[in-house]
Amino acid sequence: MVAMAAERLREERSRLGLSQQGLADLLNDKLGRRFDKARVSKWESGKEDVPSLVALCLRTPEAVTRTIRIAIANQKGGVGKTTSSLNLGYALAAAGNPTLVVDLDQQCNATISVGQNPIDNDATGRTLYHAMLHGQPVIEAIHPVKGAKGLDVLGNGQFMARFEIEAVSSIERERLLARTLKPVADRYRFILIDCPPTMSIATTNALFFVDWVLIPTQTEALSVTGIPLLLSHIELIAAAANPDLRVLGILPTMFKARNRTDQYWLEHIEAQYGGTFTVFPPVPQTTAYPTSVDAQRIAFEMAPEAKGLNSYGVVAEQLIELARLKREAVHG
């Protein structure tokens, strides 16, 4: 669980040799926040829960041994894939893990959400599309995210709409993404792929490349009933080409707790899939996410206490634990 208990926070502060104000200063420096001694005191006394971002920030970063690669995928559009990719990326980076978010979608939502202009990207040729199909150095399309230390985005442009047609004739077309990312993959602890809302060549490229798939889904019929198709596609690719491919879990999004339909579909997800996959805590519907997009900032950075961000913290904790287990397996 991402929540840090008051006692654990006190122990961590003692380990660092910091006063309450000193801890607040450390967090403010890392996260760009304005915490003070009084706030730290409330956390340590249990009067307030320790924010998930603070708990992640105080983790000891894992040494990079092998990059953990995750696709954020669902063939249904509008389910929060980009929001999940960017906020999960921010949470992982806040825990000290160099992280890359790859915008694989022709809609370029991740690119736009961090302040890049897809048209300008196309004009310079500094896009994922140009790197995959036209030999542009991929490093030139990677940009640091303002206000998110350790988080980069590999941006795209509107020419990505041509990818499905142009990639058809490419040799090993399903491995274009893997070949493109190879020169930069070792720089990152985590790579998150923001997939398009289709079972396309682009999404197949992601599934050939990654270790894990996170499935965001709205708690409504059209989104939930499409999950079996995605699972079937994942199973097919795992059997044919990527035996390491696994489902990380299902992340319910845009959840309205007072809505009976949302409650019904959340219960359905838990009953249908909870015995096989992790069903993460739902992300409530809140204005923080569209507001952050309008501001071209990540919600975790702009409004760190917004509802639902703890859910991304829980996913981040699970990925960090997977990275630790993989490291232990490598080193015996």
C-alpha atoms as a PDB file:
ATOM      1  CA  MET A   1       0.000   0.000   0.000  1.00  0.00           C
ATOM      2  CA  VAL A   2       1.381   3.375  -0.993  1.00  0.00           C
ATOM      3  CA  ALA A   3       0.141   5.143   2.135  1.00  0.00           C
ATOM      4  CA  MET A   4       2.964   5.766   4.575  1.00  0.00           C
ATOM      5  CA  ALA A   5       2.105   5.335   8.256  1.00  0.00           C
ATOM      6  CA  ALA A   6       2.937   8.122  10.684  1.00  0.00           C
ATOM      7  CA  GLU A   7       5.449   5.934  12.539  1.00  0.00           C
ATOM      8  CA  ARG A   8       7.230   5.003   9.310  1.00  0.00           C
ATOM      9  CA  LEU A   9       7.483   8.663   8.332  1.00  0.00           C
ATOM     10  CA  ARG A  10       9.066   9.494  11.699  1.00  0.00           C
ATOM     11  CA  GLU A  11      11.530   6.641  11.243  1.00  0.00           C
ATOM     12  CA  GLU A  12      12.418   7.842   7.764  1.00  0.00           C
ATOM     13  CA  ARG A  13      12.969  11.399   8.957  1.00  0.00           C
ATOM     14  CA  SER A  14      15.184  10.102  11.755  1.00  0.00           C
ATOM     15  CA  ARG A  15      17.175   7.993   9.277  1.00  0.00           C
ATOM     16  CA  LEU A  16      17.787  11.100   7.195  1.00  0.00           C
ATOM     17  CA  GLY A  17      18.800  13.079  10.293  1.00  0.00           C
ATOM     18  CA  LEU A  18      16.294  15.847   9.590  1.00  0.00           C
ATOM     19  CA  SER A  19      14.059  18.028  11.705  1.00  0.00           C
ATOM     20  CA  GLN A  20      10.426  18.358  10.681  1.00  0.00           C
ATOM     21  CA  GLN A  21      11.266  21.613   8.936  1.00  0.00           C
ATOM     22  CA  GLY A  22      14.279  19.967   7.329  1.00  0.00           C
ATOM     23  CA  LEU A  23      12.057  17.220   5.920  1.00  0.00           C
ATOM     24  CA  ALA A  24       9.624  19.827   4.616  1.00  0.00           C
ATOM     25  CA  ASP A  25      12.510  21.647   2.911  1.00  0.00           C
ATOM     26  CA  LEU A  26      13.723  18.401   1.329  1.00  0.00           C
ATOM     27  CA  LEU A  27      10.270  17.601  -0.028  1.00  0.00           C
ATOM     28  CA  ASN A  28       9.780  21.144  -1.301  1.00  0.00           C
ATOM     29  CA  ASP A  29      13.075  20.964  -3.156  1.00  0.00           C
ATOM     30  CA  LYS A  30      12.243  17.620  -4.760  1.00  0.00           C
ATOM     31  CA  LEU A  31       8.602  18.247  -5.529  1.00  0.00           C
ATOM     32  CA  GLY A  32       8.268  22.008  -5.900  1.00  0.00           C
ATOM     33  CA  ARG A  33       5.736  22.122  -3.072  1.00  0.00           C
ATOM     34  CA  ARG A  34       5.263  24.446  -0.085  1.00  0.00           C
ATOM     35  CA  PHE A  35       5.087  22.040   2.834  1.00  0.00           C
ATOM     36  CA  ASP A  36       6.028  23.364   6.267  1.00  0.00           C
ATOM     37  CA  LYS A  37       6.855  22.032   9.708  1.00  0.00           C
ATOM     38  CA  ALA A  38       3.200  22.124  10.772  1.00  0.00           C
ATOM     39  CA  ARG A  39       2.181  19.931   7.872  1.00  0.00           C
ATOM     40  CA  VAL A  40       4.879  17.364   8.616  1.00  0.00           C
ATOM     41  CA  SER A  41       3.747  17.378  12.251  1.00  0.00           C
ATOM     42  CA  LYS A  42       0.167  16.550  11.193  1.00  0.00           C
ATOM     43  CA  TRP A  43       1.426  13.616   9.120  1.00  0.00           C
ATOM     44  CA  GLU A  44       3.559  12.271  11.951  1.00  0.00           C
ATOM     45  CA  SER A  45       0.758  12.598  14.487  1.00  0.00           C
ATOM     46  CA  GLY A  46      -1.701  10.839  12.204  1.00  0.00           C
ATOM     47  CA  LYS A  47      -3.988  13.876  11.968  1.00  0.00           C
ATOM     48  CA  GLU A  48      -3.497  13.818   8.193  1.00  0.00           C
ATOM     49  CA  ASP A  49      -2.640  10.940   5.875  1.00  0.00           C
ATOM     50  CA  VAL A  50       0.814  11.096   4.363  1.00  0.00           C
ATOM     51  CA  PRO A  51       0.291  11.974   0.656  1.00  0.00           C
ATOM     52  CA  SER A  52       1.213   9.195  -1.744  1.00  0.00           C
ATOM     53  CA  LEU A  53       3.613  11.511  -3.556  1.00  0.00           C
ATOM     54  CA  VAL A  54       5.520  12.124  -0.311  1.00  0.00           C
ATOM     55  CA  ALA A  55       5.685   8.394   0.414  1.00  0.00           C
ATOM     56  CA  LEU A  56       7.045   7.717  -3.068  1.00  0.00           C
ATOM     57  CA  CYS A  57       9.513  10.596  -2.889  1.00  0.00           C
ATOM     58  CA  LEU A  58      11.061   9.202   0.305  1.00  0.00           C
ATOM     59  CA  ARG A  59      11.658   5.743  -1.131  1.00  0.00           C
ATOM     60  CA  THR A  60      15.247   4.711  -1.767  1.00  0.00           C
ATOM     61  CA  PRO A  61      15.535   4.513  -5.572  1.00  0.00           C
ATOM     62  CA  GLU A  62      16.284   1.124  -7.080  1.00  0.00           C
ATOM     63  CA  ALA A  63      19.490   0.790  -9.061  1.00  0.00           C
ATOM     64  CA  VAL A  64      18.855   0.507 -12.793  1.00  0.00           C
ATOM     65  CA  THR A  65      19.535  -3.048 -13.966  1.00  0.00           C
ATOM     66  CA  ARG A  66      16.926  -3.659 -16.645  1.00  0.00           C
ATOM     67  CA  THR A  67      14.308  -1.218 -17.833  1.00  0.00           C
ATOM     68  CA  ILE A  68      10.725  -2.109 -16.896  1.00  0.00           C
ATOM     69  CA  ARG A  69       8.436  -1.493 -19.874  1.00  0.00           C
ATOM     70  CA  ILE A  70       4.672  -0.942 -19.548  1.00  0.00           C
ATOM     71  CA  ALA A  71       1.958  -0.377 -22.151  1.00  0.00           C
ATOM     72  CA  ILE A  72      -1.059   1.674 -21.088  1.00  0.00           C
ATOM     73  CA  ALA A  73      -3.647   0.158 -23.405  1.00  0.00           C
ATOM     74  CA  ASN A  74      -7.348  -0.179 -24.112  1.00  0.00           C
ATOM     75  CA  GLN A  75      -8.953  -0.255 -27.555  1.00  0.00           C
ATOM     76  CA  LYS A  76     -11.676   2.049 -26.191  1.00  0.00           C
ATOM     77  CA  GLY A  77     -10.876   5.749 -26.414  1.00  0.00           C
ATOM     78  CA  GLY A  78     -11.454   8.308 -23.679  1.00  0.00           C
ATOM     79  CA  VAL A  79     -10.740   5.973 -20.757  1.00  0.00           C
ATOM     80  CA  GLY A  80      -7.814   7.908 -19.273  1.00  0.00           C
ATOM     81  CA  LYS A  81      -4.819   6.263 -20.926  1.00  0.00           C
ATOM     82  CA  THR A  82      -2.885   9.509 -21.335  1.00  0.00           C
ATOM     83  CA  THR A  83      -3.835  10.784 -17.888  1.00  0.00           C
ATOM     84  CA  SER A  84      -2.700   7.462 -16.427  1.00  0.00           C
ATOM     85  CA  SER A  85       0.552   7.420 -18.416  1.00  0.00           C
ATOM     86  CA  LEU A  86       1.614  10.911 -17.362  1.00  0.00           C
ATOM     87  CA  ASN A  87       0.566  10.731 -13.713  1.00  0.00           C
ATOM     88  CA  LEU A  88       2.044   7.269 -13.252  1.00  0.00           C
ATOM     89  CA  GLY A  89       5.212   8.519 -14.928  1.00  0.00           C
ATOM     90  CA  TYR A  90       5.339  11.480 -12.566  1.00  0.00           C
ATOM     91  CA  ALA A  91       4.880   9.228  -9.525  1.00  0.00           C
ATOM     92  CA  LEU A  92       7.673   6.882 -10.639  1.00  0.00           C
ATOM     93  CA  ALA A  93      10.018   9.790 -11.345  1.00  0.00           C
ATOM     94  CA  ALA A  94       9.227  11.346  -7.963  1.00  0.00           C
ATOM     95  CA  ALA A  95      10.439   8.113  -6.368  1.00  0.00           C
ATOM     96  CA  GLY A  96      13.820   8.661  -8.007  1.00  0.00           C
ATOM     97  CA  ASN A  97      13.333   6.525 -11.108  1.00  0.00           C
ATOM     98  CA  PRO A  98      14.250   8.015 -14.514  1.00  0.00           C
ATOM     99  CA  THR A  99      11.072   7.500 -16.541  1.00  0.00           C
ATOM    100  CA  LEU A 100      10.085   7.963 -20.183  1.00  0.00           C
ATOM    101  CA  VAL A 101       6.514   8.325 -21.461  1.00  0.00           C
ATOM    102  CA  VAL A 102       6.211   7.439 -25.158  1.00  0.00           C
ATOM    103  CA  ASP A 103       3.350   9.031 -27.115  1.00  0.00           C
ATOM    104  CA  LEU A 104       2.354   6.301 -29.597  1.00  0.00           C
ATOM    105  CA  ASP A 105      -1.069   7.776 -30.386  1.00  0.00           C
ATOM    106  CA  GLN A 106      -1.744   9.808 -33.530  1.00  0.00           C
ATOM    107  CA  GLN A 107      -3.942  12.105 -31.437  1.00  0.00           C
ATOM    108  CA  CYS A 108      -0.745  13.221 -29.653  1.00  0.00           C
ATOM    109  CA  ASN A 109      -2.528  13.776 -26.342  1.00  0.00           C
ATOM    110  CA  ALA A 110       0.533  13.091 -24.182  1.00  0.00           C
ATOM    111  CA  THR A 111       2.593  15.417 -26.368  1.00  0.00           C
ATOM    112  CA  ILE A 112       0.048  18.232 -26.093  1.00  0.00           C
ATOM    113  CA  SER A 113      -0.520  17.679 -22.365  1.00  0.00           C
ATOM    114  CA  VAL A 114       3.103  18.565 -21.554  1.00  0.00           C
ATOM    115  CA  GLY A 115       3.179  21.680 -23.709  1.00  0.00           C
ATOM    116  CA  GLN A 116       4.563  20.439 -27.019  1.00  0.00           C
ATOM    117  CA  ASN A 117       3.003  21.369 -30.365  1.00  0.00           C
ATOM    118  CA  PRO A 118       2.543  18.369 -32.715  1.00  0.00           C
ATOM    119  CA  ILE A 119       2.610  20.621 -35.797  1.00  0.00           C
ATOM    120  CA  ASP A 120       5.921  22.150 -34.746  1.00  0.00           C
ATOM    121  CA  ASN A 121       7.258  18.666 -34.026  1.00  0.00           C
ATOM    122  CA  ASP A 122       6.338  17.560 -37.547  1.00  0.00           C
ATOM    123  CA  ALA A 123       8.001  20.633 -39.043  1.00  0.00           C
ATOM    124  CA  THR A 124      11.322  19.756 -37.398  1.00  0.00           C
ATOM    125  CA  GLY A 125      10.969  16.001 -37.871  1.00  0.00           C
ATOM    126  CA  ARG A 126      11.536  15.489 -34.165  1.00  0.00           C
ATOM    127  CA  THR A 127       8.782  12.956 -33.512  1.00  0.00           C
ATOM    128  CA  LEU A 128       8.408   9.285 -32.717  1.00  0.00           C
ATOM    129  CA  TYR A 129       6.914   8.783 -36.193  1.00  0.00           C
ATOM    130  CA  HIS A 130      10.013  10.225 -37.903  1.00  0.00           C
ATOM    131  CA  ALA A 131      12.270   8.132 -35.671  1.00  0.00           C
ATOM    132  CA  MET A 132      10.428   4.875 -36.390  1.00  0.00           C
ATOM    133  CA  LEU A 133      10.030   5.274 -40.153  1.00  0.00           C
ATOM    134  CA  HIS A 134      12.446   7.917 -41.406  1.00  0.00           C
ATOM    135  CA  GLY A 135      15.676   7.448 -39.482  1.00  0.00           C
ATOM    136  CA  GLN A 136      15.452  10.572 -37.320  1.00  0.00           C
ATOM    137  CA  PRO A 137      17.564  10.124 -34.135  1.00  0.00           C
ATOM    138  CA  VAL A 138      15.062   9.260 -31.418  1.00  0.00           C
ATOM    139  CA  ILE A 139      16.948  11.287 -28.814  1.00  0.00           C
ATOM    140  CA  GLU A 140      15.971  14.466 -30.685  1.00  0.00           C
ATOM    141  CA  ALA A 141      12.282  13.788 -30.049  1.00  0.00           C
ATOM    142  CA  ILE A 142      12.691  13.333 -26.278  1.00  0.00           C
ATOM    143  CA  HIS A 143      12.023  16.312 -24.008  1.00  0.00           C
ATOM    144  CA  PRO A 144      12.122  16.735 -20.215  1.00  0.00           C
ATOM    145  CA  VAL A 145       8.787  17.560 -18.622  1.00  0.00           C
ATOM    146  CA  LYS A 146       8.753  20.923 -16.898  1.00  0.00           C
ATOM    147  CA  GLY A 147       8.197  20.595 -13.155  1.00  0.00           C
ATOM    148  CA  ALA A 148       8.778  16.834 -13.184  1.00  0.00           C
ATOM    149  CA  LYS A 149      12.406  15.997 -12.461  1.00  0.00           C
ATOM    150  CA  GLY A 150      13.401  12.661 -13.963  1.00  0.00           C
ATOM    151  CA  LEU A 151      10.415  12.447 -16.332  1.00  0.00           C
ATOM    152  CA  ASP A 152      10.802  12.723 -20.116  1.00  0.00           C
ATOM    153  CA  VAL A 153       8.259  12.489 -22.927  1.00  0.00           C
ATOM    154  CA  LEU A 154       8.982  11.119 -26.387  1.00  0.00           C
ATOM    155  CA  GLY A 155       6.698  13.353 -28.397  1.00  0.00           C
ATOM    156  CA  ASN A 156       4.823  12.791 -31.621  1.00  0.00           C
ATOM    157  CA  GLY A 157       3.146  14.732 -34.411  1.00  0.00           C
ATOM    158  CA  GLN A 158       0.136  14.563 -36.672  1.00  0.00           C
ATOM    159  CA  PHE A 159       2.110  12.616 -39.286  1.00  0.00           C
ATOM    160  CA  MET A 160       1.658   9.630 -36.974  1.00  0.00           C
ATOM    161  CA  ALA A 161      -1.698   9.238 -38.734  1.00  0.00           C
ATOM    162  CA  ARG A 162       0.307   7.895 -41.703  1.00  0.00           C
ATOM    163  CA  PHE A 163       2.030   5.215 -39.630  1.00  0.00           C
ATOM    164  CA  GLU A 164      -0.445   2.385 -40.159  1.00  0.00           C
ATOM    165  CA  ILE A 165      -0.219   2.695 -43.955  1.00  0.00           C
ATOM    166  CA  GLU A 166       3.539   3.255 -44.194  1.00  0.00           C
ATOM    167  CA  ALA A 167       4.454   0.552 -41.681  1.00  0.00           C
ATOM    168  CA  VAL A 168       2.670  -2.207 -43.599  1.00  0.00           C
ATOM    169  CA  SER A 169       5.588  -2.697 -45.982  1.00  0.00           C
ATOM    170  CA  SER A 170       8.298  -2.453 -43.312  1.00  0.00           C
ATOM    171  CA  ILE A 171      10.433  -5.481 -42.497  1.00  0.00           C
ATOM    172  CA  GLU A 172       9.458  -6.795 -39.033  1.00  0.00           C
ATOM    173  CA  ARG A 173       6.907  -4.018 -38.778  1.00  0.00           C
ATOM    174  CA  GLU A 174       5.861  -5.207 -35.305  1.00  0.00           C
ATOM    175  CA  ARG A 175       9.337  -4.415 -33.949  1.00  0.00           C
ATOM    176  CA  LEU A 176       9.749  -0.870 -35.253  1.00  0.00           C
ATOM    177  CA  LEU A 177       9.168   0.597 -31.778  1.00  0.00           C
ATOM    178  CA  ALA A 178      11.629  -1.784 -30.107  1.00  0.00           C
ATOM    179  CA  ARG A 179      14.352  -0.929 -32.638  1.00  0.00           C
ATOM    180  CA  THR A 180      13.653   2.789 -32.290  1.00  0.00           C
ATOM    181  CA  LEU A 181      13.850   2.817 -28.484  1.00  0.00           C
ATOM    182  CA  LYS A 182      16.907   0.569 -28.227  1.00  0.00           C
ATOM    183  CA  PRO A 183      19.467   3.465 -28.258  1.00  0.00           C
ATOM    184  CA  VAL A 184      17.804   5.196 -25.280  1.00  0.00           C
ATOM    185  CA  ALA A 185      16.100   2.421 -23.298  1.00  0.00           C
ATOM    186  CA  ASP A 186      18.975   1.880 -20.854  1.00  0.00           C
ATOM    187  CA  ARG A 187      18.755   5.501 -19.697  1.00  0.00           C
ATOM    188  CA  TYR A 188      15.445   4.816 -17.965  1.00  0.00           C
ATOM    189  CA  ARG A 189      14.184   2.682 -15.115  1.00  0.00           C
ATOM    190  CA  PHE A 190      10.651   2.699 -16.537  1.00  0.00           C
ATOM    191  CA  ILE A 191       9.263   3.250 -20.023  1.00  0.00           C
ATOM    192  CA  LEU A 192       5.503   3.823 -20.314  1.00  0.00           C
ATOM    193  CA  ILE A 193       3.843   3.527 -23.729  1.00  0.00           C
ATOM    194  CA  ASP A 194       0.673   5.598 -24.178  1.00  0.00           C
ATOM    195  CA  CYS A 195      -1.109   3.447 -26.774  1.00  0.00           C
ATOM    196  CA  PRO A 196      -3.727   4.446 -29.362  1.00  0.00           C
ATOM    197  CA  PRO A 197      -7.351   3.338 -28.816  1.00  0.00           C
ATOM    198  CA  THR A 198      -7.198   0.565 -31.433  1.00  0.00           C
ATOM    199  CA  MET A 199      -5.769  -2.920 -31.871  1.00  0.00           C
ATOM    200  CA  SER A 200      -3.489  -1.478 -34.570  1.00  0.00           C
ATOM    201  CA  ILE A 201       0.044  -2.030 -35.841  1.00  0.00           C
ATOM    202  CA  ALA A 202       1.127   0.701 -33.404  1.00  0.00           C
ATOM    203  CA  THR A 203      -0.455  -1.037 -30.400  1.00  0.00           C
ATOM    204  CA  THR A 204       0.967  -4.366 -31.550  1.00  0.00           C
ATOM    205  CA  ASN A 205       4.407  -2.723 -31.625  1.00  0.00           C
ATOM    206  CA  ALA A 206       3.913  -1.724 -27.995  1.00  0.00           C
ATOM    207  CA  LEU A 207       2.868  -5.242 -26.988  1.00  0.00           C
ATOM    208  CA  PHE A 208       5.896  -6.747 -28.739  1.00  0.00           C
ATOM    209  CA  PHE A 209       8.128  -4.385 -26.741  1.00  0.00           C
ATOM    210  CA  VAL A 210       6.741  -4.270 -23.194  1.00  0.00           C
ATOM    211  CA  ASP A 211       6.789  -6.561 -20.162  1.00  0.00           C
ATOM    212  CA  TRP A 212       3.492  -5.448 -18.674  1.00  0.00           C
ATOM    213  CA  VAL A 213       0.131  -4.013 -19.721  1.00  0.00           C
ATOM    214  CA  LEU A 214      -1.935  -1.686 -17.536  1.00  0.00           C
ATOM    215  CA  ILE A 215      -5.575  -1.511 -18.645  1.00  0.00           C
ATOM    216  CA  PRO A 216      -7.414   1.700 -17.713  1.00  0.00           C
ATOM    217  CA  THR A 217     -11.177   1.381 -18.084  1.00  0.00           C
ATOM    218  CA  GLN A 218     -14.139   3.570 -17.317  1.00  0.00           C
ATOM    219  CA  THR A 219     -16.722   1.975 -15.082  1.00  0.00           C
ATOM    220  CA  GLU A 220     -19.269   1.806 -17.879  1.00  0.00           C
ATOM    221  CA  ALA A 221     -20.488  -0.824 -20.319  1.00  0.00           C
ATOM    222  CA  LEU A 222     -18.716   0.045 -23.575  1.00  0.00           C
ATOM    223  CA  SER A 223     -15.329   0.287 -21.902  1.00  0.00           C
ATOM    224  CA  VAL A 224     -15.570  -2.786 -19.684  1.00  0.00           C
ATOM    225  CA  THR A 225     -17.047  -5.101 -22.296  1.00  0.00           C
ATOM    226  CA  GLY A 226     -14.084  -4.387 -24.583  1.00  0.00           C
ATOM    227  CA  ILE A 227     -11.536  -5.772 -22.104  1.00  0.00           C
ATOM    228  CA  PRO A 228     -11.833  -9.419 -23.275  1.00  0.00           C
ATOM    229  CA  LEU A 229     -10.780  -8.428 -26.817  1.00  0.00           C
ATOM    230  CA  LEU A 230      -7.641  -6.741 -25.482  1.00  0.00           C
ATOM    231  CA  LEU A 231      -6.864  -9.707 -23.229  1.00  0.00           C
ATOM    232  CA  SER A 232      -7.231 -12.039 -26.217  1.00  0.00           C
ATOM    233  CA  HIS A 233      -4.804  -9.887 -28.221  1.00  0.00           C
ATOM    234  CA  ILE A 234      -2.313  -9.883 -25.335  1.00  0.00           C
ATOM    235  CA  GLU A 235      -2.584 -13.668 -24.989  1.00  0.00           C
ATOM    236  CA  LEU A 236      -1.993 -14.133 -28.723  1.00  0.00           C
ATOM    237  CA  ILE A 237       1.127 -11.952 -28.776  1.00  0.00           C
ATOM    238  CA  ALA A 238       2.482 -13.551 -25.593  1.00  0.00           C
ATOM    239  CA  ALA A 239       2.128 -17.010 -27.143  1.00  0.00           C
ATOM    240  CA  ALA A 240       3.542 -16.057 -30.537  1.00  0.00           C
ATOM    241  CA  ALA A 241       6.238 -13.465 -29.938  1.00  0.00           C
ATOM    242  CA  ASN A 242       6.629 -12.054 -26.415  1.00  0.00           C
ATOM    243  CA  PRO A 243       6.475 -14.737 -23.700  1.00  0.00           C
ATOM    244  CA  ASP A 244       7.348 -12.173 -21.005  1.00  0.00           C
ATOM    245  CA  LEU A 245       4.163 -10.175 -21.673  1.00  0.00           C
ATOM    246  CA  ARG A 246       1.848  -9.975 -18.648  1.00  0.00           C
ATOM    247  CA  VAL A 247      -1.128  -7.940 -17.468  1.00  0.00           C
ATOM    248  CA  LEU A 248      -0.129  -5.664 -14.594  1.00  0.00           C
ATOM    249  CA  GLY A 249      -3.732  -5.006 -13.673  1.00  0.00           C
ATOM    250  CA  ILE A 250      -6.931  -3.123 -14.405  1.00  0.00           C
ATOM    251  CA  LEU A 251      -7.326   0.508 -13.348  1.00  0.00           C
ATOM    252  CA  PRO A 252     -10.932   1.761 -13.113  1.00  0.00           C
ATOM    253  CA  THR A 253     -11.067   5.442 -14.090  1.00  0.00           C
ATOM    254  CA  MET A 254     -13.505   8.363 -14.028  1.00  0.00           C
ATOM    255  CA  PHE A 255     -15.370   6.583 -11.258  1.00  0.00           C
ATOM    256  CA  LYS A 256     -18.472   8.281  -9.823  1.00  0.00           C
ATOM    257  CA  ALA A 257     -19.072   6.713  -6.425  1.00  0.00           C
ATOM    258  CA  ARG A 258     -22.676   7.945  -6.145  1.00  0.00           C
ATOM    259  CA  ASN A 259     -23.670   6.573  -9.517  1.00  0.00           C
ATOM    260  CA  ARG A 260     -25.297   3.137  -9.350  1.00  0.00           C
ATOM    261  CA  THR A 261     -24.128   2.267 -12.852  1.00  0.00           C
ATOM    262  CA  ASP A 262     -20.517   2.995 -11.915  1.00  0.00           C
ATOM    263  CA  GLN A 263     -20.881   0.900  -8.773  1.00  0.00           C
ATOM    264  CA  TYR A 264     -22.342  -1.958 -10.808  1.00  0.00           C
ATOM    265  CA  TRP A 265     -19.499  -1.976 -13.326  1.00  0.00           C
ATOM    266  CA  LEU A 266     -16.824  -1.641 -10.646  1.00  0.00           C
ATOM    267  CA  GLU A 267     -18.290  -4.689  -8.895  1.00  0.00           C
ATOM    268  CA  HIS A 268     -18.399  -6.479 -12.255  1.00  0.00           C
ATOM    269  CA  ILE A 269     -14.710  -5.740 -12.884  1.00  0.00           C
ATOM    270  CA  GLU A 270     -13.760  -6.998  -9.438  1.00  0.00           C
ATOM    271  CA  ALA A 271     -15.881 -10.145  -9.765  1.00  0.00           C
ATOM    272  CA  GLN A 272     -14.814 -10.912 -13.335  1.00  0.00           C
ATOM    273  CA  TYR A 273     -11.101 -10.160 -13.105  1.00  0.00           C
ATOM    274  CA  GLY A 274     -10.143  -9.751  -9.449  1.00  0.00           C
ATOM    275  CA  GLY A 275      -9.227 -13.411  -9.076  1.00  0.00           C
ATOM    276  CA  THR A 276      -6.817 -13.243 -12.020  1.00  0.00           C
ATOM    277  CA  PHE A 277      -5.448  -9.712 -12.130  1.00  0.00           C
ATOM    278  CA  THR A 278      -4.915  -6.850  -9.711  1.00  0.00           C
ATOM    279  CA  VAL A 279      -7.853  -4.439  -9.771  1.00  0.00           C
ATOM    280  CA  PHE A 280      -6.387  -1.150  -8.575  1.00  0.00           C
ATOM    281  CA  PRO A 281      -8.314   1.397  -6.490  1.00  0.00           C
ATOM    282  CA  PRO A 282     -10.583   3.411  -8.806  1.00  0.00           C
ATOM    283  CA  VAL A 283      -9.617   6.898  -9.931  1.00  0.00           C
ATOM    284  CA  PRO A 284     -12.602   9.192  -9.205  1.00  0.00           C
ATOM    285  CA  GLN A 285     -13.904  11.607 -11.790  1.00  0.00           C
ATOM    286  CA  THR A 286     -12.599  15.065 -10.919  1.00  0.00           C
ATOM    287  CA  THR A 287     -11.949  18.350 -12.686  1.00  0.00           C
ATOM    288  CA  ALA A 288      -8.271  18.199 -11.700  1.00  0.00           C
ATOM    289  CA  TYR A 289      -7.379  16.077 -14.716  1.00  0.00           C
ATOM    290  CA  PRO A 290      -8.944  18.149 -17.535  1.00  0.00           C
ATOM    291  CA  THR A 291      -7.819  21.315 -15.759  1.00  0.00           C
ATOM    292  CA  SER A 292      -4.226  20.108 -15.727  1.00  0.00           C
ATOM    293  CA  VAL A 293      -4.409  19.324 -19.455  1.00  0.00           C
ATOM    294  CA  ASP A 294      -5.641  22.859 -20.154  1.00  0.00           C
ATOM    295  CA  ALA A 295      -2.687  24.175 -18.157  1.00  0.00           C
ATOM    296  CA  GLN A 296      -0.307  21.753 -19.959  1.00  0.00           C
ATOM    297  CA  ARG A 297       0.830  20.367 -16.626  1.00  0.00           C
ATOM    298  CA  ILE A 298       0.560  16.971 -14.981  1.00  0.00           C
ATOM    299  CA  ALA A 299      -2.138  16.690 -12.316  1.00  0.00           C
ATOM    300  CA  PHE A 300       0.254  15.115  -9.806  1.00  0.00           C
ATOM    301  CA  GLU A 301       2.483  18.192 -10.125  1.00  0.00           C
ATOM    302  CA  MET A 302      -0.293  20.791 -10.355  1.00  0.00           C
ATOM    303  CA  ALA A 303      -2.726  19.430  -7.760  1.00  0.00           C
ATOM    304  CA  PRO A 304      -0.937  16.694  -5.749  1.00  0.00           C
ATOM    305  CA  GLU A 305      -3.859  16.237  -3.364  1.00  0.00           C
ATOM    306  CA  ALA A 306      -6.471  15.735  -6.085  1.00  0.00           C
ATOM    307  CA  LYS A 307      -8.795  12.776  -5.686  1.00  0.00           C
ATOM    308  CA  GLY A 308      -7.556   9.601  -7.261  1.00  0.00           C
ATOM    309  CA  LEU A 309      -3.855  10.370  -7.377  1.00  0.00           C
ATOM    310  CA  ASN A 310      -3.276   7.822  -4.610  1.00  0.00           C
ATOM    311  CA  SER A 311      -4.444   5.208  -7.128  1.00  0.00           C
ATOM    312  CA  TYR A 312      -1.525   6.076  -9.383  1.00  0.00           C
ATOM    313  CA  GLY A 313       0.698   5.899  -6.326  1.00  0.00           C
ATOM    314  CA  VAL A 314      -0.473   2.336  -5.689  1.00  0.00           C
ATOM    315  CA  VAL A 315       0.317   1.350  -9.289  1.00  0.00           C
ATOM    316  CA  ALA A 316       3.737   3.008  -8.978  1.00  0.00           C
ATOM    317  CA  GLU A 317       4.458   1.070  -5.786  1.00  0.00           C
ATOM    318  CA  GLN A 318       3.640  -2.209  -7.516  1.00  0.00           C
ATOM    319  CA  LEU A 319       5.948  -1.398 -10.421  1.00  0.00           C
ATOM    320  CA  ILE A 320       8.756  -0.397  -8.067  1.00  0.00           C
ATOM    321  CA  GLU A 321       8.318  -3.694  -6.228  1.00  0.00           C
ATOM    322  CA  LEU A 322       8.502  -5.573  -9.543  1.00  0.00           C
ATOM    323  CA  ALA A 323      11.717  -3.709 -10.340  1.00  0.00           C
ATOM    324  CA  ARG A 324      13.165  -4.698  -6.954  1.00  0.00           C
ATOM    325  CA  LEU A 325      12.289  -8.361  -7.472  1.00  0.00           C
ATOM    326  CA  LYS A 326      13.799  -8.317 -10.956  1.00  0.00           C
ATOM    327  CA  ARG A 327      16.976  -6.758  -9.584  1.00  0.00           C
ATOM    328  CA  GLU A 328      17.231  -9.413  -6.873  1.00  0.00           C
ATOM    329  CA  ALA A 329      16.721 -12.135  -9.491  1.00  0.00           C
ATOM    330  CA  VAL A 330      19.530 -10.689 -11.618  1.00  0.00           C
ATOM    331  CA  HIS A 331      21.952 -10.404  -8.699  1.00  0.00           C
ATOM    332  CA  GLY A 332      20.906 -13.586  -6.920  1.00  0.00           C
END
